[in-house]
Amino acid sequence: QKFFDGDIEGSRKLQLKAMELCHALFCEVNPIPVKKATELMGMTN
């Protein structure tokens, strides 16, 4: 949304902030890591 609102810097900051999280969520084949993440957050078992 920030990109489309013209806040390119805000969009860039969120993209770069998420990079290590993205990498961690794909350190094993999807959806193993994201399923683990939802478990840690109490959303699934």
PDB file of all heavy atoms in Angstrom:
ATOM      1  N   GLN A   1       0.819  -1.212   0.000  1.00  0.00           N
ATOM      2  CA  GLN A   1       0.000   0.000   0.000  1.00  0.00           C
ATOM      3  C   GLN A   1       0.856   1.268   0.000  1.00  0.00           C
ATOM      4  O   GLN A   1       0.543   2.249  -0.684  1.00  0.00           O
ATOM      5  CB  GLN A   1      -0.938   0.002   1.207  1.00  0.00           C
ATOM      6  CG  GLN A   1      -1.994   1.096   1.145  1.00  0.00           C
ATOM      7  CD  GLN A   1      -2.906   0.951  -0.069  1.00  0.00           C
ATOM      8  OE1 GLN A   1      -3.499  -0.099  -0.291  1.00  0.00           O
ATOM      9  NE2 GLN A   1      -2.997   2.001  -0.878  1.00  0.00           N
ATOM     10  N   LYS A   2       1.940   1.235   0.776  1.00  0.00           N
ATOM     11  CA  LYS A   2       2.827   2.403   0.812  1.00  0.00           C
ATOM     12  C   LYS A   2       3.396   2.694  -0.582  1.00  0.00           C
ATOM     13  O   LYS A   2       3.531   3.853  -0.984  1.00  0.00           O
ATOM     14  CB  LYS A   2       3.960   2.186   1.822  1.00  0.00           C
ATOM     15  CG  LYS A   2       3.544   2.344   3.274  1.00  0.00           C
ATOM     16  CD  LYS A   2       4.711   2.081   4.215  1.00  0.00           C
ATOM     17  CE  LYS A   2       4.292   2.183   5.668  1.00  0.00           C
ATOM     18  NZ  LYS A   2       3.876   3.548   6.059  1.00  0.00           N
ATOM     19  N   PHE A   3       3.730   1.634  -1.309  1.00  0.00           N
ATOM     20  CA  PHE A   3       4.258   1.838  -2.665  1.00  0.00           C
ATOM     21  C   PHE A   3       3.236   2.579  -3.521  1.00  0.00           C
ATOM     22  O   PHE A   3       3.558   3.554  -4.196  1.00  0.00           O
ATOM     23  CB  PHE A   3       4.616   0.496  -3.309  1.00  0.00           C
ATOM     24  CG  PHE A   3       5.149   0.622  -4.712  1.00  0.00           C
ATOM     25  CD1 PHE A   3       6.508   0.793  -4.936  1.00  0.00           C
ATOM     26  CD2 PHE A   3       4.296   0.587  -5.803  1.00  0.00           C
ATOM     27  CE1 PHE A   3       7.006   0.930  -6.230  1.00  0.00           C
ATOM     28  CE2 PHE A   3       4.775   0.724  -7.100  1.00  0.00           C
ATOM     29  CZ  PHE A   3       6.137   0.891  -7.313  1.00  0.00           C
ATOM     30  N   PHE A   4       1.977   2.114  -3.472  1.00  0.00           N
ATOM     31  CA  PHE A   4       0.949   2.729  -4.308  1.00  0.00           C
ATOM     32  C   PHE A   4       0.540   4.110  -3.802  1.00  0.00           C
ATOM     33  O   PHE A   4       0.012   4.923  -4.577  1.00  0.00           O
ATOM     34  CB  PHE A   4      -0.261   1.804  -4.431  1.00  0.00           C
ATOM     35  CG  PHE A   4       0.016   0.587  -5.273  1.00  0.00           C
ATOM     36  CD1 PHE A   4      -0.139  -0.693  -4.756  1.00  0.00           C
ATOM     37  CD2 PHE A   4       0.446   0.716  -6.581  1.00  0.00           C
ATOM     38  CE1 PHE A   4       0.136  -1.807  -5.531  1.00  0.00           C
ATOM     39  CE2 PHE A   4       0.718  -0.388  -7.367  1.00  0.00           C
ATOM     40  CZ  PHE A   4       0.565  -1.658  -6.842  1.00  0.00           C
ATOM     41  N   ASP A   5       0.785   4.368  -2.532  1.00  0.00           N
ATOM     42  CA  ASP A   5       0.513   5.694  -1.988  1.00  0.00           C
ATOM     43  C   ASP A   5       1.645   6.678  -2.274  1.00  0.00           C
ATOM     44  O   ASP A   5       1.569   7.852  -1.906  1.00  0.00           O
ATOM     45  CB  ASP A   5       0.304   5.608  -0.470  1.00  0.00           C
ATOM     46  CG  ASP A   5      -1.011   4.946  -0.101  1.00  0.00           C
ATOM     47  OD1 ASP A   5      -1.893   4.838  -0.977  1.00  0.00           O
ATOM     48  OD2 ASP A   5      -1.155   4.526   1.073  1.00  0.00           O
ATOM     49  N   GLY A   6       2.717   6.196  -2.890  1.00  0.00           N
ATOM     50  CA  GLY A   6       3.843   7.054  -3.216  1.00  0.00           C
ATOM     51  C   GLY A   6       4.920   7.116  -2.150  1.00  0.00           C
ATOM     52  O   GLY A   6       5.914   7.822  -2.302  1.00  0.00           O
ATOM     53  N   ASP A   7       4.741   6.336  -1.080  1.00  0.00           N
ATOM     54  CA  ASP A   7       5.741   6.302  -0.007  1.00  0.00           C
ATOM     55  C   ASP A   7       6.741   5.184  -0.313  1.00  0.00           C
ATOM     56  O   ASP A   7       6.749   4.137   0.330  1.00  0.00           O
ATOM     57  CB  ASP A   7       5.047   6.071   1.344  1.00  0.00           C
ATOM     58  CG  ASP A   7       6.016   6.074   2.521  1.00  0.00           C
ATOM     59  OD1 ASP A   7       7.211   6.387   2.308  1.00  0.00           O
ATOM     60  OD2 ASP A   7       5.579   5.737   3.641  1.00  0.00           O
ATOM     61  N   ILE A   8       7.575   5.413  -1.299  1.00  0.00           N
ATOM     62  CA  ILE A   8       8.516   4.391  -1.738  1.00  0.00           C
ATOM     63  C   ILE A   8       9.524   4.067  -0.640  1.00  0.00           C
ATOM     64  O   ILE A   8       9.892   2.906  -0.435  1.00  0.00           O
ATOM     65  CB  ILE A   8       9.257   4.842  -3.019  1.00  0.00           C
ATOM     66  CG1 ILE A   8       8.250   5.277  -4.100  1.00  0.00           C
ATOM     67  CG2 ILE A   8      10.146   3.712  -3.539  1.00  0.00           C
ATOM     68  CD1 ILE A   8       7.240   4.229  -4.486  1.00  0.00           C
ATOM     69  N   GLU A   9       9.949   5.077   0.094  1.00  0.00           N
ATOM     70  CA  GLU A   9      10.912   4.854   1.168  1.00  0.00           C
ATOM     71  C   GLU A   9      10.297   3.982   2.266  1.00  0.00           C
ATOM     72  O   GLU A   9      10.949   3.082   2.795  1.00  0.00           O
ATOM     73  CB  GLU A   9      11.377   6.190   1.754  1.00  0.00           C
ATOM     74  CG  GLU A   9      12.350   6.066   2.923  1.00  0.00           C
ATOM     75  CD  GLU A   9      13.673   5.420   2.542  1.00  0.00           C
ATOM     76  OE1 GLU A   9      13.956   5.288   1.332  1.00  0.00           O
ATOM     77  OE2 GLU A   9      14.433   5.046   3.462  1.00  0.00           O
ATOM     78  N   GLY A  10       9.044   4.230   2.597  1.00  0.00           N
ATOM     79  CA  GLY A  10       8.366   3.414   3.599  1.00  0.00           C
ATOM     80  C   GLY A  10       8.208   1.978   3.147  1.00  0.00           C
ATOM     81  O   GLY A  10       8.381   1.041   3.934  1.00  0.00           O
ATOM     82  N   SER A  11       7.902   1.806   1.888  1.00  0.00           N
ATOM     83  CA  SER A  11       7.776   0.474   1.315  1.00  0.00           C
ATOM     84  C   SER A  11       9.121  -0.247   1.342  1.00  0.00           C
ATOM     85  O   SER A  11       9.214  -1.424   1.699  1.00  0.00           O
ATOM     86  CB  SER A  11       7.252   0.571  -0.126  1.00  0.00           C
ATOM     87  OG  SER A  11       7.132  -0.699  -0.716  1.00  0.00           O
ATOM     88  N   ARG A  12      10.172   0.490   0.968  1.00  0.00           N
ATOM     89  CA  ARG A  12      11.519  -0.100   0.947  1.00  0.00           C
ATOM     90  C   ARG A  12      11.941  -0.549   2.342  1.00  0.00           C
ATOM     91  O   ARG A  12      12.511  -1.629   2.519  1.00  0.00           O
ATOM     92  CB  ARG A  12      12.523   0.911   0.394  1.00  0.00           C
ATOM     93  CG  ARG A  12      13.945   0.362   0.253  1.00  0.00           C
ATOM     94  CD  ARG A  12      14.925   1.447  -0.180  1.00  0.00           C
ATOM     95  NE  ARG A  12      15.105   2.451   0.844  1.00  0.00           N
ATOM     96  CZ  ARG A  12      15.929   2.307   1.885  1.00  0.00           C
ATOM     97  NH1 ARG A  12      16.647   1.201   2.018  1.00  0.00           N
ATOM     98  NH2 ARG A  12      16.037   3.264   2.781  1.00  0.00           N
ATOM     99  N   LYS A  13      11.648   0.265   3.345  1.00  0.00           N
ATOM    100  CA  LYS A  13      12.028  -0.087   4.710  1.00  0.00           C
ATOM    101  C   LYS A  13      11.351  -1.378   5.170  1.00  0.00           C
ATOM    102  O   LYS A  13      11.981  -2.221   5.819  1.00  0.00           O
ATOM    103  CB  LYS A  13      11.686   1.062   5.660  1.00  0.00           C
ATOM    104  CG  LYS A  13      12.634   2.245   5.549  1.00  0.00           C
ATOM    105  CD  LYS A  13      12.268   3.351   6.540  1.00  0.00           C
ATOM    106  CE  LYS A  13      13.263   4.500   6.463  1.00  0.00           C
ATOM    107  NZ  LYS A  13      12.895   5.601   7.401  1.00  0.00           N
ATOM    108  N   LEU A  14      10.081  -1.535   4.833  1.00  0.00           N
ATOM    109  CA  LEU A  14       9.373  -2.752   5.217  1.00  0.00           C
ATOM    110  C   LEU A  14       9.911  -3.969   4.467  1.00  0.00           C
ATOM    111  O   LEU A  14      10.020  -5.062   5.029  1.00  0.00           O
ATOM    112  CB  LEU A  14       7.873  -2.597   4.969  1.00  0.00           C
ATOM    113  CG  LEU A  14       7.116  -1.722   5.963  1.00  0.00           C
ATOM    114  CD1 LEU A  14       5.679  -1.510   5.512  1.00  0.00           C
ATOM    115  CD2 LEU A  14       7.146  -2.342   7.359  1.00  0.00           C
ATOM    116  N   GLN A  15      10.259  -3.779   3.179  1.00  0.00           N
ATOM    117  CA  GLN A  15      10.837  -4.888   2.414  1.00  0.00           C
ATOM    118  C   GLN A  15      12.156  -5.332   3.024  1.00  0.00           C
ATOM    119  O   GLN A  15      12.395  -6.529   3.244  1.00  0.00           O
ATOM    120  CB  GLN A  15      11.049  -4.468   0.959  1.00  0.00           C
ATOM    121  CG  GLN A  15      11.738  -5.505   0.080  1.00  0.00           C
ATOM    122  CD  GLN A  15      10.850  -6.687  -0.259  1.00  0.00           C
ATOM    123  OE1 GLN A  15      10.109  -6.669  -1.226  1.00  0.00           O
ATOM    124  NE2 GLN A  15      10.930  -7.751   0.537  1.00  0.00           N
ATOM    125  N   LEU A  16      13.018  -4.381   3.328  1.00  0.00           N
ATOM    126  CA  LEU A  16      14.333  -4.733   3.872  1.00  0.00           C
ATOM    127  C   LEU A  16      14.229  -5.270   5.298  1.00  0.00           C
ATOM    128  O   LEU A  16      14.982  -6.172   5.683  1.00  0.00           O
ATOM    129  CB  LEU A  16      15.256  -3.516   3.811  1.00  0.00           C
ATOM    130  CG  LEU A  16      15.570  -3.004   2.401  1.00  0.00           C
ATOM    131  CD1 LEU A  16      16.522  -1.821   2.470  1.00  0.00           C
ATOM    132  CD2 LEU A  16      16.135  -4.101   1.514  1.00  0.00           C
ATOM    133  N   LYS A  17      13.301  -4.747   6.067  1.00  0.00           N
ATOM    134  CA  LYS A  17      13.091  -5.242   7.433  1.00  0.00           C
ATOM    135  C   LYS A  17      12.714  -6.720   7.424  1.00  0.00           C
ATOM    136  O   LYS A  17      13.097  -7.481   8.319  1.00  0.00           O
ATOM    137  CB  LYS A  17      11.989  -4.432   8.117  1.00  0.00           C
ATOM    138  CG  LYS A  17      11.668  -4.899   9.530  1.00  0.00           C
ATOM    139  CD  LYS A  17      10.495  -4.114  10.118  1.00  0.00           C
ATOM    140  CE  LYS A  17      10.136  -4.637  11.509  1.00  0.00           C
ATOM    141  NZ  LYS A  17       8.954  -3.924  12.079  1.00  0.00           N
ATOM    142  N   ALA A  18      11.972  -7.138   6.399  1.00  0.00           N
ATOM    143  CA  ALA A  18      11.449  -8.507   6.350  1.00  0.00           C
ATOM    144  C   ALA A  18      12.422  -9.509   5.736  1.00  0.00           C
ATOM    145  O   ALA A  18      12.128 -10.711   5.718  1.00  0.00           O
ATOM    146  CB  ALA A  18      10.141  -8.531   5.558  1.00  0.00           C
ATOM    147  N   MET A  19      13.579  -9.069   5.261  1.00  0.00           N
ATOM    148  CA  MET A  19      14.442  -9.965   4.492  1.00  0.00           C
ATOM    149  C   MET A  19      14.887 -11.198   5.276  1.00  0.00           C
ATOM    150  O   MET A  19      14.796 -12.331   4.788  1.00  0.00           O
ATOM    151  CB  MET A  19      15.646  -9.204   3.949  1.00  0.00           C
ATOM    152  CG  MET A  19      15.288  -8.198   2.866  1.00  0.00           C
ATOM    153  SD  MET A  19      14.439  -8.911   1.438  1.00  0.00           S
ATOM    154  CE  MET A  19      15.804  -9.764   0.655  1.00  0.00           C
ATOM    155  N   GLU A  20      15.402 -11.017   6.491  1.00  0.00           N
ATOM    156  CA  GLU A  20      15.878 -12.166   7.249  1.00  0.00           C
ATOM    157  C   GLU A  20      14.719 -13.077   7.627  1.00  0.00           C
ATOM    158  O   GLU A  20      14.853 -14.303   7.633  1.00  0.00           O
ATOM    159  CB  GLU A  20      16.636 -11.734   8.502  1.00  0.00           C
ATOM    160  CG  GLU A  20      17.139 -12.901   9.357  1.00  0.00           C
ATOM    161  CD  GLU A  20      17.939 -13.958   8.582  1.00  0.00           C
ATOM    162  OE1 GLU A  20      18.658 -13.594   7.622  1.00  0.00           O
ATOM    163  OE2 GLU A  20      17.829 -15.154   8.934  1.00  0.00           O
ATOM    164  N   LEU A  21      13.573 -12.504   7.923  1.00  0.00           N
ATOM    165  CA  LEU A  21      12.389 -13.318   8.216  1.00  0.00           C
ATOM    166  C   LEU A  21      11.994 -14.136   6.989  1.00  0.00           C
ATOM    167  O   LEU A  21      11.687 -15.324   7.101  1.00  0.00           O
ATOM    168  CB  LEU A  21      11.233 -12.413   8.647  1.00  0.00           C
ATOM    169  CG  LEU A  21       9.934 -13.117   9.038  1.00  0.00           C
ATOM    170  CD1 LEU A  21      10.148 -14.046  10.229  1.00  0.00           C
ATOM    171  CD2 LEU A  21       8.840 -12.092   9.351  1.00  0.00           C
ATOM    172  N   CYS A  22      12.039 -13.512   5.814  1.00  0.00           N
ATOM    173  CA  CYS A  22      11.747 -14.244   4.568  1.00  0.00           C
ATOM    174  C   CYS A  22      12.714 -15.410   4.387  1.00  0.00           C
ATOM    175  O   CYS A  22      12.297 -16.528   4.053  1.00  0.00           O
ATOM    176  CB  CYS A  22      11.840 -13.311   3.365  1.00  0.00           C
ATOM    177  SG  CYS A  22      10.561 -12.045   3.275  1.00  0.00           S
ATOM    178  N   HIS A  23      13.988 -15.151   4.605  1.00  0.00           N
ATOM    179  CA  HIS A  23      14.993 -16.199   4.435  1.00  0.00           C
ATOM    180  C   HIS A  23      14.765 -17.340   5.434  1.00  0.00           C
ATOM    181  O   HIS A  23      14.893 -18.517   5.075  1.00  0.00           O
ATOM    182  CB  HIS A  23      16.398 -15.618   4.598  1.00  0.00           C
ATOM    183  CG  HIS A  23      16.776 -14.626   3.555  1.00  0.00           C
ATOM    184  ND1 HIS A  23      16.317 -14.690   2.258  1.00  0.00           N
ATOM    185  CD2 HIS A  23      17.579 -13.518   3.612  1.00  0.00           C
ATOM    186  CE1 HIS A  23      16.821 -13.692   1.557  1.00  0.00           C
ATOM    187  NE2 HIS A  23      17.583 -12.963   2.354  1.00  0.00           N
ATOM    188  N   ALA A  24      14.419 -16.988   6.673  1.00  0.00           N
ATOM    189  CA  ALA A  24      14.178 -18.014   7.687  1.00  0.00           C
ATOM    190  C   ALA A  24      12.951 -18.849   7.346  1.00  0.00           C
ATOM    191  O   ALA A  24      12.909 -20.060   7.608  1.00  0.00           O
ATOM    192  CB  ALA A  24      14.009 -17.363   9.060  1.00  0.00           C
ATOM    193  N   LEU A  25      11.960 -18.211   6.731  1.00  0.00           N
ATOM    194  CA  LEU A  25      10.735 -18.931   6.364  1.00  0.00           C
ATOM    195  C   LEU A  25      10.936 -19.840   5.158  1.00  0.00           C
ATOM    196  O   LEU A  25      10.033 -20.606   4.808  1.00  0.00           O
ATOM    197  CB  LEU A  25       9.603 -17.933   6.086  1.00  0.00           C
ATOM    198  CG  LEU A  25       9.000 -17.262   7.323  1.00  0.00           C
ATOM    199  CD1 LEU A  25       8.063 -16.136   6.914  1.00  0.00           C
ATOM    200  CD2 LEU A  25       8.258 -18.279   8.186  1.00  0.00           C
ATOM    201  N   PHE A  26      12.105 -19.739   4.532  1.00  0.00           N
ATOM    202  CA  PHE A  26      12.406 -20.625   3.408  1.00  0.00           C
ATOM    203  C   PHE A  26      13.714 -21.390   3.613  1.00  0.00           C
ATOM    204  O   PHE A  26      14.286 -21.902   2.653  1.00  0.00           O
ATOM    205  CB  PHE A  26      12.438 -19.824   2.103  1.00  0.00           C
ATOM    206  CG  PHE A  26      11.067 -19.443   1.613  1.00  0.00           C
ATOM    207  CD1 PHE A  26      10.470 -18.270   2.032  1.00  0.00           C
ATOM    208  CD2 PHE A  26      10.356 -20.280   0.770  1.00  0.00           C
ATOM    209  CE1 PHE A  26       9.199 -17.923   1.622  1.00  0.00           C
ATOM    210  CE2 PHE A  26       9.079 -19.951   0.337  1.00  0.00           C
ATOM    211  CZ  PHE A  26       8.494 -18.766   0.768  1.00  0.00           C
ATOM    212  N   CYS A  27      14.161 -21.480   4.881  1.00  0.00           N
ATOM    213  CA  CYS A  27      15.384 -22.243   5.143  1.00  0.00           C
ATOM    214  C   CYS A  27      15.123 -23.742   5.052  1.00  0.00           C
ATOM    215  O   CYS A  27      16.055 -24.540   4.966  1.00  0.00           O
ATOM    216  CB  CYS A  27      15.992 -21.869   6.489  1.00  0.00           C
ATOM    217  SG  CYS A  27      15.011 -22.324   7.926  1.00  0.00           S
ATOM    218  N   GLU A  28      13.875 -24.146   5.103  1.00  0.00           N
ATOM    219  CA  GLU A  28      13.431 -25.485   4.707  1.00  0.00           C
ATOM    220  C   GLU A  28      12.284 -25.290   3.746  1.00  0.00           C
ATOM    221  O   GLU A  28      11.728 -24.195   3.623  1.00  0.00           O
ATOM    222  CB  GLU A  28      12.993 -26.315   5.929  1.00  0.00           C
ATOM    223  CG  GLU A  28      14.139 -26.751   6.818  1.00  0.00           C
ATOM    224  CD  GLU A  28      13.719 -27.741   7.900  1.00  0.00           C
ATOM    225  OE1 GLU A  28      12.712 -28.469   7.709  1.00  0.00           O
ATOM    226  OE2 GLU A  28      14.386 -27.775   8.948  1.00  0.00           O
ATOM    227  N   VAL A  29      11.893 -26.359   3.080  1.00  0.00           N
ATOM    228  CA  VAL A  29      10.878 -26.221   2.036  1.00  0.00           C
ATOM    229  C   VAL A  29       9.559 -25.716   2.622  1.00  0.00           C
ATOM    230  O   VAL A  29       9.126 -26.141   3.699  1.00  0.00           O
ATOM    231  CB  VAL A  29      10.683 -27.564   1.291  1.00  0.00           C
ATOM    232  CG1 VAL A  29      10.052 -28.624   2.192  1.00  0.00           C
ATOM    233  CG2 VAL A  29       9.850 -27.376   0.026  1.00  0.00           C
ATOM    234  N   ASN A  30       8.959 -24.747   1.937  1.00  0.00           N
ATOM    235  CA  ASN A  30       7.638 -24.241   2.305  1.00  0.00           C
ATOM    236  C   ASN A  30       6.599 -25.362   2.159  1.00  0.00           C
ATOM    237  O   ASN A  30       6.626 -26.092   1.171  1.00  0.00           O
ATOM    238  CB  ASN A  30       7.280 -23.072   1.374  1.00  0.00           C
ATOM    239  CG  ASN A  30       5.931 -22.471   1.663  1.00  0.00           C
ATOM    240  OD1 ASN A  30       5.605 -22.160   2.796  1.00  0.00           O
ATOM    241  ND2 ASN A  30       5.129 -22.323   0.630  1.00  0.00           N
ATOM    242  N   PRO A  31       5.687 -25.546   3.133  1.00  0.00           N
ATOM    243  CA  PRO A  31       5.342 -24.657   4.243  1.00  0.00           C
ATOM    244  C   PRO A  31       5.853 -25.101   5.622  1.00  0.00           C
ATOM    245  O   PRO A  31       5.260 -24.720   6.636  1.00  0.00           O
ATOM    246  CB  PRO A  31       3.822 -24.705   4.224  1.00  0.00           C
ATOM    247  CG  PRO A  31       3.530 -26.141   3.882  1.00  0.00           C
ATOM    248  CD  PRO A  31       4.609 -26.536   2.883  1.00  0.00           C
ATOM    249  N   ILE A  32       6.928 -25.884   5.685  1.00  0.00           N
ATOM    250  CA  ILE A  32       7.392 -26.349   6.991  1.00  0.00           C
ATOM    251  C   ILE A  32       7.695 -25.179   7.938  1.00  0.00           C
ATOM    252  O   ILE A  32       7.174 -25.135   9.060  1.00  0.00           O
ATOM    253  CB  ILE A  32       8.608 -27.284   6.838  1.00  0.00           C
ATOM    254  CG1 ILE A  32       8.182 -28.616   6.177  1.00  0.00           C
ATOM    255  CG2 ILE A  32       9.244 -27.570   8.196  1.00  0.00           C
ATOM    256  CD1 ILE A  32       9.354 -29.533   5.847  1.00  0.00           C
ATOM    257  N   PRO A  33       8.520 -24.194   7.529  1.00  0.00           N
ATOM    258  CA  PRO A  33       8.837 -23.117   8.468  1.00  0.00           C
ATOM    259  C   PRO A  33       7.637 -22.247   8.845  1.00  0.00           C
ATOM    260  O   PRO A  33       7.486 -21.870  10.010  1.00  0.00           O
ATOM    261  CB  PRO A  33       9.904 -22.307   7.725  1.00  0.00           C
ATOM    262  CG  PRO A  33      10.508 -23.273   6.759  1.00  0.00           C
ATOM    263  CD  PRO A  33       9.358 -24.101   6.308  1.00  0.00           C
ATOM    264  N   VAL A  34       6.796 -21.895   7.879  1.00  0.00           N
ATOM    265  CA  VAL A  34       5.671 -21.019   8.208  1.00  0.00           C
ATOM    266  C   VAL A  34       4.657 -21.753   9.078  1.00  0.00           C
ATOM    267  O   VAL A  34       3.994 -21.145   9.937  1.00  0.00           O
ATOM    268  CB  VAL A  34       5.010 -20.438   6.938  1.00  0.00           C
ATOM    269  CG1 VAL A  34       4.191 -21.481   6.187  1.00  0.00           C
ATOM    270  CG2 VAL A  34       4.147 -19.222   7.298  1.00  0.00           C
ATOM    271  N   LYS A  35       4.553 -23.065   8.913  1.00  0.00           N
ATOM    272  CA  LYS A  35       3.664 -23.839   9.791  1.00  0.00           C
ATOM    273  C   LYS A  35       4.223 -23.827  11.217  1.00  0.00           C
ATOM    274  O   LYS A  35       3.479 -23.721  12.200  1.00  0.00           O
ATOM    275  CB  LYS A  35       3.561 -25.271   9.246  1.00  0.00           C
ATOM    276  CG  LYS A  35       2.237 -26.016   9.473  1.00  0.00           C
ATOM    277  CD  LYS A  35       1.054 -25.376   8.839  1.00  0.00           C
ATOM    278  CE  LYS A  35      -0.236 -26.152   8.977  1.00  0.00           C
ATOM    279  NZ  LYS A  35      -0.289 -27.438   8.312  1.00  0.00           N
ATOM    280  N   LYS A  36       5.540 -23.916  11.343  1.00  0.00           N
ATOM    281  CA  LYS A  36       6.178 -23.820  12.658  1.00  0.00           C
ATOM    282  C   LYS A  36       5.952 -22.426  13.249  1.00  0.00           C
ATOM    283  O   LYS A  36       5.682 -22.285  14.451  1.00  0.00           O
ATOM    284  CB  LYS A  36       7.671 -24.116  12.551  1.00  0.00           C
ATOM    285  CG  LYS A  36       8.476 -23.891  13.821  1.00  0.00           C
ATOM    286  CD  LYS A  36       7.981 -24.732  14.994  1.00  0.00           C
ATOM    287  CE  LYS A  36       8.316 -26.209  14.811  1.00  0.00           C
ATOM    288  NZ  LYS A  36       7.961 -26.989  16.024  1.00  0.00           N
ATOM    289  N   ALA A  37       6.061 -21.396  12.416  1.00  0.00           N
ATOM    290  CA  ALA A  37       5.848 -20.032  12.892  1.00  0.00           C
ATOM    291  C   ALA A  37       4.423 -19.837  13.410  1.00  0.00           C
ATOM    292  O   ALA A  37       4.216 -19.210  14.455  1.00  0.00           O
ATOM    293  CB  ALA A  37       6.147 -19.032  11.778  1.00  0.00           C
ATOM    294  N   THR A  38       3.439 -20.373  12.699  1.00  0.00           N
ATOM    295  CA  THR A  38       2.051 -20.240  13.162  1.00  0.00           C
ATOM    296  C   THR A  38       1.838 -21.029  14.454  1.00  0.00           C
ATOM    297  O   THR A  38       1.020 -20.644  15.291  1.00  0.00           O
ATOM    298  CB  THR A  38       1.045 -20.699  12.092  1.00  0.00           C
ATOM    299  OG1 THR A  38       1.278 -22.075  11.746  1.00  0.00           O
ATOM    300  CG2 THR A  38       1.143 -19.840  10.837  1.00  0.00           C
ATOM    301  N   GLU A  39       2.591 -22.114  14.617  1.00  0.00           N
ATOM    302  CA  GLU A  39       2.528 -22.858  15.882  1.00  0.00           C
ATOM    303  C   GLU A  39       3.098 -22.016  17.023  1.00  0.00           C
ATOM    304  O   GLU A  39       2.503 -21.916  18.103  1.00  0.00           O
ATOM    305  CB  GLU A  39       3.306 -24.163  15.755  1.00  0.00           C
ATOM    306  CG  GLU A  39       3.349 -24.970  17.055  1.00  0.00           C
ATOM    307  CD  GLU A  39       4.274 -26.171  16.979  1.00  0.00           C
ATOM    308  OE1 GLU A  39       4.877 -26.406  15.904  1.00  0.00           O
ATOM    309  OE2 GLU A  39       4.411 -26.877  17.998  1.00  0.00           O
ATOM    310  N   LEU A  40       4.254 -21.409  16.799  1.00  0.00           N
ATOM    311  CA  LEU A  40       4.887 -20.586  17.821  1.00  0.00           C
ATOM    312  C   LEU A  40       3.984 -19.430  18.233  1.00  0.00           C
ATOM    313  O   LEU A  40       3.976 -19.016  19.405  1.00  0.00           O
ATOM    314  CB  LEU A  40       6.222 -20.044  17.306  1.00  0.00           C
ATOM    315  CG  LEU A  40       7.339 -21.076  17.103  1.00  0.00           C
ATOM    316  CD1 LEU A  40       8.480 -20.465  16.298  1.00  0.00           C
ATOM    317  CD2 LEU A  40       7.851 -21.590  18.446  1.00  0.00           C
ATOM    318  N   MET A  41       3.198 -18.926  17.291  1.00  0.00           N
ATOM    319  CA  MET A  41       2.306 -17.804  17.568  1.00  0.00           C
ATOM    320  C   MET A  41       0.957 -18.247  18.121  1.00  0.00           C
ATOM    321  O   MET A  41       0.091 -17.411  18.396  1.00  0.00           O
ATOM    322  CB  MET A  41       2.109 -16.988  16.285  1.00  0.00           C
ATOM    323  CG  MET A  41       3.380 -16.319  15.784  1.00  0.00           C
ATOM    324  SD  MET A  41       3.194 -15.553  14.151  1.00  0.00           S
ATOM    325  CE  MET A  41       2.067 -14.203  14.527  1.00  0.00           C
ATOM    326  N   GLY A  42       0.775 -19.566  18.272  1.00  0.00           N
ATOM    327  CA  GLY A  42      -0.470 -20.089  18.827  1.00  0.00           C
ATOM    328  C   GLY A  42      -1.631 -20.098  17.856  1.00  0.00           C
ATOM    329  O   GLY A  42      -2.790 -20.226  18.264  1.00  0.00           O
ATOM    330  N   MET A  43      -1.348 -20.018  16.554  1.00  0.00           N
ATOM    331  CA  MET A  43      -2.396 -19.971  15.542  1.00  0.00           C
ATOM    332  C   MET A  43      -2.773 -21.360  15.036  1.00  0.00           C
ATOM    333  O   MET A  43      -3.899 -21.589  14.599  1.00  0.00           O
ATOM    334  CB  MET A  43      -1.945 -19.095  14.372  1.00  0.00           C
ATOM    335  CG  MET A  43      -1.657 -17.663  14.781  1.00  0.00           C
ATOM    336  SD  MET A  43      -0.693 -16.755  13.553  1.00  0.00           S
ATOM    337  CE  MET A  43      -1.826 -16.684  12.186  1.00  0.00           C
ATOM    338  N   THR A  44      -1.804 -22.276  15.028  1.00  0.00           N
ATOM    339  CA  THR A  44      -2.040 -23.675  14.653  1.00  0.00           C
ATOM    340  C   THR A  44      -1.205 -24.546  15.593  1.00  0.00           C
ATOM    341  O   THR A  44      -0.402 -24.031  16.374  1.00  0.00           O
ATOM    342  CB  THR A  44      -1.614 -23.982  13.198  1.00  0.00           C
ATOM    343  OG1 THR A  44      -0.172 -24.024  13.120  1.00  0.00           O
ATOM    344  CG2 THR A  44      -2.139 -22.942  12.218  1.00  0.00           C
ATOM    345  N   ASN A  45      -1.390 -25.855  15.476  1.00  0.00           N
ATOM    346  CA  ASN A  45      -0.546 -26.765  16.268  1.00  0.00           C
ATOM    347  C   ASN A  45       0.704 -27.180  15.499  1.00  0.00           C
ATOM    348  O   ASN A  45       1.503 -27.981  15.991  1.00  0.00           O
ATOM    349  CB  ASN A  45      -1.335 -27.997  16.718  1.00  0.00           C
ATOM    350  CG  ASN A  45      -1.893 -28.793  15.550  1.00  0.00           C
ATOM    351  OD1 ASN A  45      -1.487 -28.604  14.403  1.00  0.00           O
ATOM    352  ND2 ASN A  45      -2.834 -29.683  15.818  1.00  0.00           N
TER     353      ASN A  45
END
